[in-house]
Amino acid sequence: MQRKKYEDLKKVFGKQTKKSLLKFIDKWRVGVPINSDIFYIFARALYDDDRKVNNEVLNKSESIDILFKRIDFQYCEYVKEAREELNEEELKSIILYFYDADNFNTKNITMPEEIIKLTYELLDLKEEDQVLQPYIMNGTFMTDYLTKYPNGNYIGVDINTENILISEIKASVAVESYNQVKLIQENYINVDLDKINYNKVISFPPMGVNNKYLFDILEDKKIIELYDDNKFLPKYNDWINILKLVQNEKFERGIFIVTSGLLFKDMDKSIKKYLIQKGLIEGIIEMPSNLFRGTTIATNILVLSKNNTKIKMVDASELYENRRPVNIIDDNNLNLILKSYTDIKDNSKIVSVEEIENNNYNLLPRRYTNKDLDLEKFVYLKDVANIKRGYANFKQKEINSRLSEEETNIKLLNAKDINDDFEIGKLSSLKNIELKEEVYCANYEDILVARGGTYKSILLNKNFNEKLIVNGTMYIITCDKNKINPYYLQMYMSSEHCLKQIESLNAGTSIQFISIKQLGELKIPKVSKRTEEEIAGKYKNILNKYEIIKLQKNSLIEETKDLVSEVL
């Protein structure tokens, strides 16, 4: 299919066919509960019994034979209805764009158009390239690539039968010759890459696949030996997809879309060190969150090539337009991302191996590009204070059984309780506290900070007689007062500067939790002891003024209640 025809079908879908599709979906909702079956119905409607349309592609697939027989048996009336109401062009447009991000609600993750455009530039794709895509999803990249590069060659690997079938059907519409496409139904981590001809790779692997599953299915001896020889942790995770690729000499350039957590977790330090020392990481681009329908998680583009002595870091997390239900990277922001990658801009930096080593192999771009966080003189939080997590073993059922309707001197503090009206006396009371739980109690002048969300913190600046047990949603920071004044520390921890620094230490996932080790790496501005005490004294006075304002506010609330009582 020529590129113009491909783009014309997209216009047809957007202007007219999408409405028909949504009408069919609404009408068939009860009779066809599975989205993929709706897609197959339209595919069956396009092809007559002899498959006269581009039969070279589908005639090679026995799976399509079995699929179409099932569709004919279950949904023959729906197929007939679609054939009667839609012409060939409309059916083709539905097949190609059914799984688009702006389509109806579906859990099937699609690679957005802007990510595909970015991929072409970062991979430096040419007509003669042979592209391998592990985890083909629903064939969106495949069809876009083969219509943009009509003489290109594409190899897709996926264990999922549905993804293979969808891609075969889309290829039958978009591809001129089936010789350009090779679809392999196998688990990528076990595929023998030596038997596949390719030089460029694009992949969006499944996120967070657990160690047990990978351990059970892994058969590739090269990967197993690589983990053993380099003493990588005996736990397999998403890095296994990347390690498999870079072991093979065929690849020239590769792109993997990965989660932020993969780049900063300390447990993967040995793998990151290995890849960097081998010169295999060219660059990392931190992308905006919520780009992919089906997940709001923040992602990064990991660019792989050979013989790299430094790494390009780009923070593109703010370069997007907010459109529901997903964020969009428009052409202007797309150009900004590419310029930031090729030329050093405010949001990009070329980082040395030594600098990465000094940052404990944290590969999150914002860690290096956020110039506002640079401090000439600082101390690490871990060197001036003790940090411990609150009691993480509280189960909600247990809490409910231990809550007291009467006031007691045992109080429970959750992260949600930290607000401008915080008072220990207003917290929930517990009937009892066990001896093993007392270590999780906070004391006067401790600082409490939420592990995630807004990372709100509070200093317990008033003496109290209650036992205040902190649950696992928070950290308890106890200052070494010979090294730092707790009021000075809280003054900084309540600032926007500190919040940005915490976010740079953590990953930009949809649910953010910072670890004790990461929090310990928080840089606290270092000043002279005299200046620190002066600032601490001023901040303590500010907190006291807040307490006065709080009392005045509560008094005004009571007065208002009295007025209402007079009326009632």
Protein backbone atom coordinates (compact mmCIF):
# COMPACT_ATOMS: atom_id res chain seq x y z
CA MET A 1 0.00 0.00 0.00
CA GLN A 2 1.34 3.43 -0.90
CA ARG A 3 1.83 5.87 1.97
CA LYS A 4 -0.73 8.29 0.55
CA LYS A 5 -3.39 5.58 0.45
CA TYR A 6 -2.55 4.62 4.05
CA GLU A 7 -2.95 8.23 5.21
CA ASP A 8 -6.12 8.66 3.14
CA LEU A 9 -7.66 5.68 4.93
CA LYS A 10 -6.81 7.33 8.23
CA LYS A 11 -8.75 10.41 7.12
CA VAL A 12 -11.66 8.20 6.07
CA PHE A 13 -11.64 6.58 9.50
CA GLY A 14 -11.53 9.92 11.32
CA LYS A 15 -14.18 11.65 9.26
CA GLN A 16 -16.80 8.98 8.78
CA THR A 17 -15.98 5.35 9.59
CA LYS A 18 -15.22 5.85 13.27
CA LYS A 19 -18.83 6.90 13.88
CA SER A 20 -20.06 3.76 12.14
CA LEU A 21 -17.64 1.65 14.18
CA LEU A 22 -18.87 3.09 17.47
CA LYS A 23 -22.45 2.56 16.35
CA PHE A 24 -21.75 -1.11 15.63
CA ILE A 25 -19.92 -1.54 18.94
CA ASP A 26 -22.85 -0.09 20.86
CA LYS A 27 -25.35 -2.20 18.93
CA TRP A 28 -23.33 -5.42 19.30
CA ARG A 29 -22.31 -4.87 22.90
CA VAL A 30 -24.32 -7.80 24.29
CA GLY A 31 -23.85 -10.23 21.42
CA VAL A 32 -20.10 -9.63 20.95
CA PRO A 33 -18.59 -8.97 24.38
CA ILE A 34 -14.93 -9.35 23.29
CA ASN A 35 -13.28 -6.40 21.50
CA SER A 36 -10.98 -8.59 19.43
CA ASP A 37 -13.98 -10.51 18.08
CA ILE A 38 -15.47 -7.21 16.88
CA PHE A 39 -12.23 -6.58 15.01
CA TYR A 40 -12.33 -10.08 13.50
CA ILE A 41 -15.93 -9.56 12.35
CA PHE A 42 -14.89 -6.52 10.29
CA ALA A 43 -11.91 -8.46 8.92
CA ARG A 44 -14.19 -11.32 7.89
CA ALA A 45 -16.56 -8.82 6.31
CA LEU A 46 -13.73 -7.49 4.13
CA TYR A 47 -12.84 -10.87 2.67
CA ASP A 48 -15.22 -13.05 0.73
CA ASP A 49 -15.08 -16.82 1.02
CA ASP A 50 -12.34 -17.06 -1.60
CA ARG A 51 -10.32 -14.24 -0.01
CA LYS A 52 -9.85 -12.47 -3.30
CA VAL A 53 -8.45 -9.35 -1.64
CA ASN A 54 -4.67 -9.62 -1.20
CA ASN A 55 -4.97 -13.36 -0.63
CA GLU A 56 -1.18 -13.82 -0.78
CA VAL A 57 -0.93 -12.76 2.87
CA LEU A 58 -3.80 -14.61 4.47
CA ASN A 59 -3.54 -17.78 2.45
CA LYS A 60 -0.26 -18.50 4.20
CA SER A 61 -1.94 -18.63 7.59
CA GLU A 62 -3.74 -21.72 8.86
CA SER A 63 -4.64 -19.80 12.02
CA ILE A 64 -6.68 -17.34 9.95
CA ASP A 65 -8.62 -20.27 8.45
CA ILE A 66 -9.52 -21.51 11.92
CA LEU A 67 -10.36 -17.99 13.11
CA PHE A 68 -12.65 -17.16 10.18
CA LYS A 69 -14.50 -20.47 10.54
CA ARG A 70 -15.18 -19.60 14.19
CA ILE A 71 -16.36 -16.10 13.28
CA ASP A 72 -18.64 -17.50 10.57
CA PHE A 73 -20.13 -19.96 13.06
CA GLN A 74 -20.62 -17.50 15.93
CA TYR A 75 -21.23 -14.17 14.21
CA CYS A 76 -22.41 -14.75 10.63
CA GLU A 77 -25.27 -12.22 10.99
CA TYR A 78 -22.90 -9.54 12.27
CA VAL A 79 -20.52 -10.19 9.38
CA LYS A 80 -23.39 -9.87 6.92
CA GLU A 81 -24.53 -6.60 8.52
CA ALA A 82 -21.04 -5.09 8.33
CA ARG A 83 -20.68 -6.12 4.65
CA GLU A 84 -24.02 -4.57 3.75
CA GLU A 85 -23.43 -1.23 5.47
CA LEU A 86 -19.71 -0.63 4.83
CA ASN A 87 -17.77 -0.54 1.58
CA GLU A 88 -14.29 -2.00 1.05
CA GLU A 89 -12.48 1.28 1.81
CA GLU A 90 -14.37 1.76 5.06
CA LEU A 91 -13.66 -1.81 6.18
CA LYS A 92 -9.96 -1.37 5.45
CA SER A 93 -9.85 1.85 7.46
CA ILE A 94 -11.44 0.08 10.45
CA ILE A 95 -8.94 -2.77 10.27
CA LEU A 96 -5.96 -0.40 10.14
CA TYR A 97 -7.13 2.04 12.83
CA PHE A 98 -9.42 -0.01 15.06
CA TYR A 99 -6.90 0.03 17.91
CA ASP A 100 -5.93 3.69 17.63
CA ALA A 101 -5.39 5.51 20.94
CA ASP A 102 -8.39 7.78 20.36
CA ASN A 103 -10.67 4.83 19.68
CA PHE A 104 -13.07 3.28 22.19
CA ASN A 105 -12.16 1.90 25.61
CA THR A 106 -9.74 -1.00 25.21
CA LYS A 107 -6.96 -2.49 27.31
CA ASN A 108 -4.90 -3.18 24.19
CA ILE A 109 -1.90 -0.82 24.38
CA THR A 110 -1.13 0.93 21.11
CA MET A 111 2.08 2.73 20.18
CA PRO A 112 1.09 6.40 19.61
CA GLU A 113 1.85 8.04 16.29
CA GLU A 114 4.26 10.52 17.87
CA ILE A 115 6.31 7.74 19.46
CA ILE A 116 6.54 6.04 16.06
CA LYS A 117 7.76 9.28 14.47
CA LEU A 118 10.33 9.70 17.22
CA THR A 119 11.45 6.11 16.68
CA TYR A 120 12.16 6.67 13.00
CA GLU A 121 14.51 9.55 13.82
CA LEU A 122 16.25 7.95 16.79
CA LEU A 123 16.80 4.68 14.95
CA ASP A 124 17.95 6.56 11.83
CA LEU A 125 15.82 4.21 9.75
CA LYS A 126 16.60 3.74 6.08
CA GLU A 127 14.90 1.84 3.26
CA GLU A 128 17.41 -1.00 3.35
CA ASP A 129 17.11 -1.61 7.10
CA GLN A 130 15.65 -4.79 8.50
CA VAL A 131 13.59 -4.03 11.58
CA LEU A 132 12.92 -6.45 14.42
CA GLN A 133 10.06 -5.77 16.82
CA PRO A 134 9.81 -8.03 19.87
CA TYR A 135 6.30 -7.77 21.35
CA ILE A 136 4.35 -6.56 18.32
CA MET A 137 1.24 -5.50 20.29
CA ASN A 138 -1.46 -4.90 17.66
CA GLY A 139 0.68 -4.24 14.61
CA THR A 140 0.39 -0.45 14.57
CA PHE A 141 4.12 0.12 14.20
CA MET A 142 4.37 -2.64 11.60
CA THR A 143 1.78 -1.13 9.26
CA ASP A 144 3.08 2.41 9.68
CA TYR A 145 6.68 1.33 9.04
CA LEU A 146 5.94 -0.77 5.95
CA THR A 147 3.84 1.95 4.33
CA LYS A 148 6.50 4.57 5.06
CA TYR A 149 9.29 2.29 3.81
CA PRO A 150 7.67 0.18 1.05
CA ASN A 151 10.86 -1.80 0.44
CA GLY A 152 11.59 -2.34 4.11
CA ASN A 153 11.62 -5.68 5.86
CA TYR A 154 9.90 -6.36 9.16
CA ILE A 155 10.23 -9.22 11.66
CA GLY A 156 7.73 -9.34 14.52
CA VAL A 157 7.91 -11.66 17.51
CA ASP A 158 5.10 -12.30 19.96
CA ILE A 159 3.85 -15.25 21.99
CA ASN A 160 0.31 -13.89 22.07
CA THR A 161 -1.94 -15.51 19.45
CA GLU A 162 -4.30 -12.55 19.34
CA ASN A 163 -1.47 -10.12 18.56
CA ILE A 164 -0.24 -12.40 15.77
CA LEU A 165 -3.71 -12.72 14.22
CA ILE A 166 -4.41 -8.99 14.39
CA SER A 167 -1.03 -8.21 12.82
CA GLU A 168 -1.54 -10.75 10.03
CA ILE A 169 -4.90 -9.22 9.18
CA LYS A 170 -3.52 -5.67 9.22
CA ALA A 171 -0.57 -6.75 7.10
CA SER A 172 -2.97 -8.23 4.55
CA VAL A 173 -4.42 -4.74 4.05
CA ALA A 174 -1.27 -2.62 4.26
CA VAL A 175 1.55 -4.68 2.77
CA GLU A 176 2.14 -5.21 -0.94
CA SER A 177 4.13 -8.42 -0.57
CA TYR A 178 4.13 -10.92 2.27
CA ASN A 179 7.88 -11.38 1.70
CA GLN A 180 8.35 -8.09 3.55
CA VAL A 181 6.78 -9.47 6.73
CA LYS A 182 7.79 -12.30 8.99
CA LEU A 183 5.70 -12.94 12.10
CA ILE A 184 7.09 -15.40 14.64
CA GLN A 185 4.85 -16.76 17.37
CA GLU A 186 7.36 -17.47 20.10
CA ASN A 187 8.51 -15.99 23.37
CA TYR A 188 11.11 -13.35 22.51
CA ILE A 189 13.46 -14.21 25.38
CA ASN A 190 13.87 -17.71 23.90
CA VAL A 191 14.08 -16.79 20.22
CA ASP A 192 17.38 -17.62 18.50
CA LEU A 193 18.35 -14.19 17.15
CA ASP A 194 21.19 -15.75 15.13
CA LYS A 195 18.55 -17.19 12.80
CA ILE A 196 16.88 -13.81 12.18
CA ASN A 197 18.17 -11.15 9.77
CA TYR A 198 17.86 -7.70 11.32
CA ASN A 199 19.91 -4.63 12.20
CA LYS A 200 17.45 -2.22 13.92
CA VAL A 201 15.18 -3.00 16.86
CA ILE A 202 12.13 -1.30 18.38
CA SER A 203 10.43 -2.80 21.43
CA PHE A 204 7.89 -1.97 24.10
CA PRO A 205 8.18 -5.04 26.37
CA PRO A 206 5.54 -6.00 28.94
CA MET A 207 6.05 -4.08 32.17
CA GLY A 208 6.86 -5.64 35.50
CA VAL A 209 6.96 -9.31 34.47
CA ASN A 210 7.86 -11.19 37.64
CA ASN A 211 10.95 -13.24 38.31
CA LYS A 212 9.12 -16.55 38.83
CA TYR A 213 7.44 -16.42 35.43
CA LEU A 214 10.68 -15.56 33.64
CA PHE A 215 12.58 -18.18 35.63
CA ASP A 216 10.05 -20.85 34.64
CA ILE A 217 10.03 -20.07 30.91
CA LEU A 218 13.64 -18.99 30.26
CA GLU A 219 15.51 -21.45 28.05
CA ASP A 220 18.11 -19.22 26.39
CA LYS A 221 21.44 -20.55 27.69
CA LYS A 222 23.32 -17.42 26.64
CA ILE A 223 21.16 -15.26 28.91
CA ILE A 224 21.44 -17.70 31.80
CA GLU A 225 25.24 -17.77 31.42
CA LEU A 226 25.37 -13.97 31.18
CA TYR A 227 23.57 -13.64 34.53
CA ASP A 228 25.79 -16.28 36.12
CA ASP A 229 29.11 -14.99 34.71
CA ASN A 230 28.45 -11.38 35.76
CA LYS A 231 26.86 -12.26 39.10
CA PHE A 232 23.70 -10.33 38.29
CA LEU A 233 21.02 -10.72 40.94
CA PRO A 234 19.38 -14.17 40.64
CA LYS A 235 16.15 -12.43 39.78
CA TYR A 236 15.05 -11.82 36.23
CA ASN A 237 13.11 -8.68 35.33
CA ASP A 238 12.50 -6.36 32.37
CA TRP A 239 16.25 -5.89 31.76
CA ILE A 240 16.34 -9.42 30.37
CA ASN A 241 14.80 -8.17 27.09
CA ILE A 242 17.60 -5.65 26.61
CA LEU A 243 20.40 -7.99 27.66
CA LYS A 244 19.21 -10.55 25.12
CA LEU A 245 19.49 -8.02 22.31
CA VAL A 246 22.90 -6.53 23.12
CA GLN A 247 24.47 -9.98 23.32
CA ASN A 248 23.82 -10.44 19.60
CA GLU A 249 26.29 -8.77 17.26
CA LYS A 250 23.73 -8.15 14.50
CA PHE A 251 22.07 -5.16 16.09
CA GLU A 252 23.27 -1.70 15.10
CA ARG A 253 20.73 0.42 16.92
CA GLY A 254 17.83 -0.41 19.21
CA ILE A 255 15.09 1.36 21.11
CA PHE A 256 13.35 -0.02 24.17
CA ILE A 257 10.47 1.77 25.90
CA VAL A 258 10.92 1.12 29.62
CA THR A 259 9.45 2.21 32.93
CA SER A 260 11.19 4.78 35.11
CA GLY A 261 11.57 2.29 37.95
CA LEU A 262 13.84 0.14 35.80
CA LEU A 263 16.32 3.03 35.50
CA PHE A 264 16.75 4.00 39.12
CA LYS A 265 16.33 0.84 41.21
CA ASP A 266 19.46 -0.05 43.14
CA MET A 267 18.86 -3.80 42.76
CA ASP A 268 19.63 -3.49 39.01
CA LYS A 269 22.89 -1.58 39.56
CA SER A 270 25.12 -4.42 38.32
CA ILE A 271 23.18 -4.72 35.03
CA LYS A 272 23.28 -0.97 34.41
CA LYS A 273 27.00 -0.92 35.18
CA TYR A 274 27.58 -3.77 32.73
CA LEU A 275 25.70 -2.03 29.89
CA ILE A 276 27.46 1.29 30.49
CA GLN A 277 30.94 -0.21 30.70
CA LYS A 278 30.27 -2.10 27.46
CA GLY A 279 29.34 1.23 25.83
CA LEU A 280 25.87 0.00 24.86
CA ILE A 281 23.67 2.86 26.12
CA GLU A 282 23.66 5.86 23.80
CA GLY A 283 20.89 7.91 25.38
CA ILE A 284 17.79 8.02 27.55
CA ILE A 285 14.73 10.22 27.02
CA GLU A 286 12.30 10.62 29.92
CA MET A 287 8.86 10.85 28.34
CA PRO A 288 5.62 12.41 29.63
CA SER A 289 3.30 10.16 31.62
CA ASN A 290 -0.05 8.95 30.29
CA LEU A 291 1.03 8.66 26.65
CA PHE A 292 -0.33 5.14 26.21
CA ARG A 293 -3.98 4.18 26.49
CA GLY A 294 -4.29 1.42 29.02
CA THR A 295 -1.61 2.70 31.41
CA THR A 296 -0.72 6.07 32.97
CA ILE A 297 2.76 4.94 33.91
CA ALA A 298 5.70 7.16 32.97
CA THR A 299 8.01 5.73 30.35
CA ASN A 300 11.50 6.35 29.00
CA ILE A 301 13.05 5.70 25.61
CA LEU A 302 16.32 3.81 26.00
CA VAL A 303 18.49 4.22 22.90
CA LEU A 304 21.04 1.44 22.40
CA SER A 305 24.03 1.42 20.08
CA LYS A 306 27.71 0.49 20.29
CA ASN A 307 30.96 2.13 21.45
CA ASN A 308 29.43 4.87 23.60
CA THR A 309 31.70 6.58 26.14
CA LYS A 310 29.05 9.02 27.39
CA ILE A 311 25.26 9.01 27.65
CA LYS A 312 22.79 11.60 26.40
CA MET A 313 20.12 12.45 28.96
CA VAL A 314 16.91 14.26 27.97
CA ASP A 315 14.07 15.18 30.31
CA ALA A 316 11.06 15.52 27.99
CA SER A 317 8.51 14.83 30.75
CA GLU A 318 6.91 18.28 30.36
CA LEU A 319 6.84 18.40 26.56
CA TYR A 320 3.24 17.41 25.83
CA GLU A 321 -0.30 18.64 25.34
CA ASN A 322 -2.90 17.50 27.83
CA ARG A 323 -5.78 15.90 25.93
CA ARG A 324 -8.19 13.36 27.33
CA PRO A 325 -7.91 10.47 27.77
CA VAL A 326 -4.17 10.54 27.01
CA ASN A 327 -1.42 13.13 26.69
CA ILE A 328 -0.25 14.03 23.19
CA ILE A 329 3.18 15.06 21.87
CA ASP A 330 2.44 17.52 19.06
CA ASP A 331 4.87 18.25 16.21
CA ASN A 332 6.36 21.25 18.01
CA ASN A 333 7.19 19.25 21.13
CA LEU A 334 8.39 16.36 18.99
CA ASN A 335 10.91 18.67 17.33
CA LEU A 336 11.98 20.01 20.73
CA ILE A 337 12.66 16.46 21.95
CA LEU A 338 14.75 15.65 18.88
CA LYS A 339 16.71 18.90 19.15
CA SER A 340 17.33 18.24 22.84
CA TYR A 341 18.70 14.82 21.90
CA THR A 342 20.96 15.97 19.07
CA ASP A 343 22.03 19.31 20.63
CA ILE A 344 22.41 20.14 24.30
CA LYS A 345 19.48 22.23 25.54
CA ASP A 346 18.20 23.30 28.97
CA ASN A 347 16.50 19.94 29.42
CA SER A 348 19.36 17.75 28.18
CA LYS A 349 22.91 16.88 29.13
CA ILE A 350 25.75 14.61 28.04
CA VAL A 351 26.74 12.62 31.11
CA SER A 352 30.06 10.92 31.78
CA VAL A 353 30.42 7.42 33.18
CA GLU A 354 32.06 8.92 36.26
CA GLU A 355 29.05 11.15 36.94
CA ILE A 356 26.73 8.16 36.64
CA GLU A 357 28.95 6.20 39.04
CA ASN A 358 28.75 9.09 41.51
CA ASN A 359 24.96 8.92 41.29
CA ASN A 360 24.94 5.18 42.09
CA TYR A 361 24.01 4.29 38.49
CA ASN A 362 20.68 6.11 38.65
CA LEU A 363 19.75 6.51 34.97
CA LEU A 364 16.69 8.72 35.34
CA PRO A 365 17.40 11.76 33.10
CA ARG A 366 15.94 14.40 35.41
CA ARG A 367 18.58 13.44 37.97
CA TYR A 368 21.17 15.00 35.66
CA THR A 369 19.26 17.68 33.75
CA ASN A 370 17.52 19.56 36.58
CA LYS A 371 19.96 22.44 36.95
CA ASP A 372 17.76 24.16 39.53
CA LEU A 373 18.70 21.46 42.03
CA ASP A 374 22.46 22.03 41.89
CA LEU A 375 23.86 22.85 45.33
CA GLU A 376 27.47 23.95 45.74
CA LYS A 377 27.56 23.00 49.42
CA PHE A 378 25.37 20.31 50.92
CA VAL A 379 25.14 17.39 53.29
CA TYR A 380 23.26 14.17 52.63
CA LEU A 381 20.22 13.57 54.81
CA LYS A 382 21.54 10.09 55.68
CA ASP A 383 24.64 11.69 57.25
CA VAL A 384 22.76 14.01 59.63
CA ALA A 385 19.64 12.06 60.56
CA ASN A 386 18.25 8.59 61.12
CA ILE A 387 15.44 7.51 58.77
CA LYS A 388 13.06 4.64 59.45
CA ARG A 389 9.75 3.55 58.05
CA GLY A 390 6.59 3.51 60.11
CA TYR A 391 4.86 0.26 61.03
CA ALA A 392 4.14 -1.47 57.72
CA ASN A 393 2.45 -4.59 59.10
CA PHE A 394 -0.81 -2.94 60.08
CA LYS A 395 -3.68 -4.64 58.26
CA GLN A 396 -6.89 -2.68 57.90
CA LYS A 397 -8.87 -5.44 59.61
CA GLU A 398 -6.50 -5.31 62.58
CA ILE A 399 -6.65 -1.52 62.74
CA ASN A 400 -10.45 -1.58 62.76
CA SER A 401 -10.47 -4.07 65.65
CA ARG A 402 -8.05 -1.93 67.68
CA LEU A 403 -9.65 1.46 67.12
CA SER A 404 -11.15 2.92 70.28
CA GLU A 405 -14.33 4.97 70.36
CA GLU A 406 -13.08 6.61 73.53
CA GLU A 407 -10.03 8.89 73.59
CA THR A 408 -6.80 7.16 74.66
CA ASN A 409 -3.18 8.27 74.87
CA ILE A 410 -2.26 5.96 71.94
CA LYS A 411 -2.69 7.67 68.57
CA LEU A 412 -2.35 6.37 65.03
CA LEU A 413 -0.89 8.63 62.33
CA ASN A 414 -1.39 8.05 58.59
CA ALA A 415 0.05 10.09 55.72
CA LYS A 416 -3.43 11.44 54.95
CA ASP A 417 -3.52 13.03 58.43
CA ILE A 418 -0.76 15.49 57.55
CA ASN A 419 -2.49 18.76 56.74
CA ASP A 420 -2.59 22.39 57.83
CA ASP A 421 -4.97 21.53 60.68
CA PHE A 422 -2.84 18.71 62.07
CA GLU A 423 -3.31 18.07 65.78
CA ILE A 424 -2.30 14.93 67.64
CA GLY A 425 -5.45 15.11 69.75
CA LYS A 426 -7.63 14.77 66.64
CA LEU A 427 -6.00 11.53 65.48
CA SER A 428 -7.68 8.13 65.82
CA SER A 429 -7.17 6.43 69.18
CA LEU A 430 -6.02 2.82 69.60
CA LYS A 431 -6.98 0.57 72.49
CA ASN A 432 -3.48 -0.76 72.96
CA ILE A 433 0.05 -0.85 71.60
CA GLU A 434 2.32 -3.88 71.57
CA LEU A 435 5.90 -3.76 72.79
CA LYS A 436 7.28 -4.53 69.29
CA GLU A 437 5.36 -1.56 67.88
CA GLU A 438 6.85 1.09 70.18
CA VAL A 439 9.91 1.40 67.95
CA TYR A 440 7.57 2.89 65.33
CA CYS A 441 6.46 5.72 67.62
CA ALA A 442 7.51 9.28 66.80
CA ASN A 443 8.87 11.72 69.37
CA TYR A 444 9.09 15.46 69.94
CA GLU A 445 11.01 17.24 67.13
CA ASP A 446 10.91 14.22 64.82
CA ILE A 447 10.03 14.96 61.20
CA LEU A 448 7.39 12.80 59.50
CA VAL A 449 7.29 12.59 55.70
CA ALA A 450 4.91 10.72 53.40
CA ARG A 451 6.55 7.96 51.34
CA GLY A 452 4.67 8.93 48.20
CA GLY A 453 2.12 11.22 46.64
CA THR A 454 2.88 14.82 47.59
CA TYR A 455 5.70 13.83 50.00
CA LYS A 456 4.22 16.16 52.61
CA SER A 457 6.20 16.51 55.81
CA ILE A 458 5.59 17.84 59.31
CA LEU A 459 7.74 18.61 62.33
CA LEU A 460 6.36 17.58 65.73
CA ASN A 461 7.17 20.97 67.26
CA LYS A 462 5.06 20.65 70.43
CA ASN A 463 5.70 18.33 73.36
CA PHE A 464 3.04 15.65 73.75
CA ASN A 465 2.26 12.88 76.20
CA GLU A 466 0.62 10.49 73.75
CA LYS A 467 2.28 7.52 72.16
CA LEU A 468 2.17 8.37 68.49
CA ILE A 469 2.52 5.27 66.30
CA VAL A 470 3.26 6.01 62.66
CA ASN A 471 2.03 3.58 60.01
CA GLY A 472 3.97 2.37 56.98
CA THR A 473 2.82 5.15 54.65
CA MET A 474 5.36 7.48 56.30
CA TYR A 475 9.01 7.81 57.30
CA ILE A 476 10.22 9.03 60.68
CA ILE A 477 13.27 11.28 60.51
CA THR A 478 15.18 11.82 63.77
CA CYS A 479 17.86 14.48 63.51
CA ASP A 480 21.30 14.23 65.07
CA LYS A 481 21.07 17.64 66.72
CA ASN A 482 24.84 17.93 66.87
CA LYS A 483 24.82 17.87 63.08
CA ILE A 484 21.60 19.61 62.06
CA ASN A 485 18.77 21.56 63.66
CA PRO A 486 15.41 19.83 63.03
CA TYR A 487 13.70 23.20 62.42
CA TYR A 488 16.27 24.05 59.77
CA LEU A 489 15.77 20.65 58.15
CA GLN A 490 11.98 20.93 58.14
CA MET A 491 12.22 24.45 56.73
CA TYR A 492 14.02 22.99 53.72
CA MET A 493 11.88 19.83 53.48
CA SER A 494 8.71 21.90 53.20
CA SER A 495 10.13 23.86 50.23
CA GLU A 496 9.41 23.43 46.53
CA HIS A 497 13.13 22.99 45.92
CA CYS A 498 13.16 19.93 48.17
CA LEU A 499 10.07 18.48 46.50
CA LYS A 500 11.71 18.76 43.07
CA GLN A 501 14.79 17.07 44.43
CA ILE A 502 12.75 14.20 45.88
CA GLU A 503 11.01 13.76 42.53
CA SER A 504 14.40 13.68 40.79
CA LEU A 505 15.54 10.96 43.19
CA ASN A 506 12.43 8.93 42.56
CA ALA A 507 10.94 7.48 39.39
CA GLY A 508 8.05 9.20 37.67
CA THR A 509 5.69 6.28 37.92
CA SER A 510 1.95 6.63 38.28
CA ILE A 511 2.29 5.69 41.97
CA GLN A 512 5.43 7.23 43.42
CA PHE A 513 7.16 5.79 46.49
CA ILE A 514 10.61 6.88 47.53
CA SER A 515 12.83 4.38 49.34
CA ILE A 516 14.78 5.05 52.54
CA LYS A 517 18.00 4.78 50.56
CA GLN A 518 16.81 7.36 48.03
CA LEU A 519 15.55 9.70 50.73
CA GLY A 520 18.93 9.39 52.44
CA GLU A 521 20.52 10.81 49.26
CA LEU A 522 18.52 14.03 49.64
CA LYS A 523 20.95 16.95 49.55
CA ILE A 524 20.42 19.47 52.36
CA PRO A 525 21.89 22.96 51.77
CA LYS A 526 24.92 23.45 54.03
CA VAL A 527 25.41 26.80 55.74
CA SER A 528 27.46 27.91 58.74
CA LYS A 529 26.21 26.68 62.12
CA ARG A 530 25.44 30.25 63.14
CA THR A 531 23.34 30.87 60.01
CA GLU A 532 21.60 27.50 60.45
CA GLU A 533 20.57 28.36 64.03
CA GLU A 534 19.35 31.81 62.99
CA ILE A 535 17.21 30.35 60.20
CA ALA A 536 15.94 27.60 62.50
CA GLY A 537 14.92 30.18 65.11
CA LYS A 538 13.05 32.25 62.53
CA TYR A 539 11.28 29.17 61.17
CA LYS A 540 10.28 28.11 64.69
CA ASN A 541 8.68 31.53 65.20
CA ILE A 542 6.79 31.09 61.92
CA LEU A 543 5.44 27.71 63.10
CA ASN A 544 4.35 29.31 66.38
CA LYS A 545 2.50 32.01 64.44
CA TYR A 546 0.77 29.27 62.44
CA GLU A 547 -0.38 27.73 65.73
CA ILE A 548 -1.84 31.07 66.83
CA ILE A 549 -3.64 31.45 63.49
CA LYS A 550 -4.97 27.89 63.83
CA LEU A 551 -6.38 28.69 67.30
CA GLN A 552 -7.96 31.87 65.96
CA LYS A 553 -9.47 29.96 63.06
CA ASN A 554 -10.93 27.30 65.39
CA SER A 555 -12.34 30.05 67.60
CA LEU A 556 -14.04 31.69 64.62
CA ILE A 557 -15.50 28.35 63.57
CA GLU A 558 -17.00 27.89 67.06
CA GLU A 559 -18.44 31.41 67.00
CA THR A 560 -20.08 30.65 63.65
CA LYS A 561 -21.59 27.48 65.09
CA ASP A 562 -23.01 29.51 68.00
CA LEU A 563 -24.69 31.89 65.55
CA VAL A 564 -26.25 28.98 63.69
CA SER A 565 -27.47 27.55 67.01
CA GLU A 566 -29.24 30.84 67.80
CA VAL A 567 -31.15 30.64 64.51
CA LEU A 568 -32.07 26.97 64.90
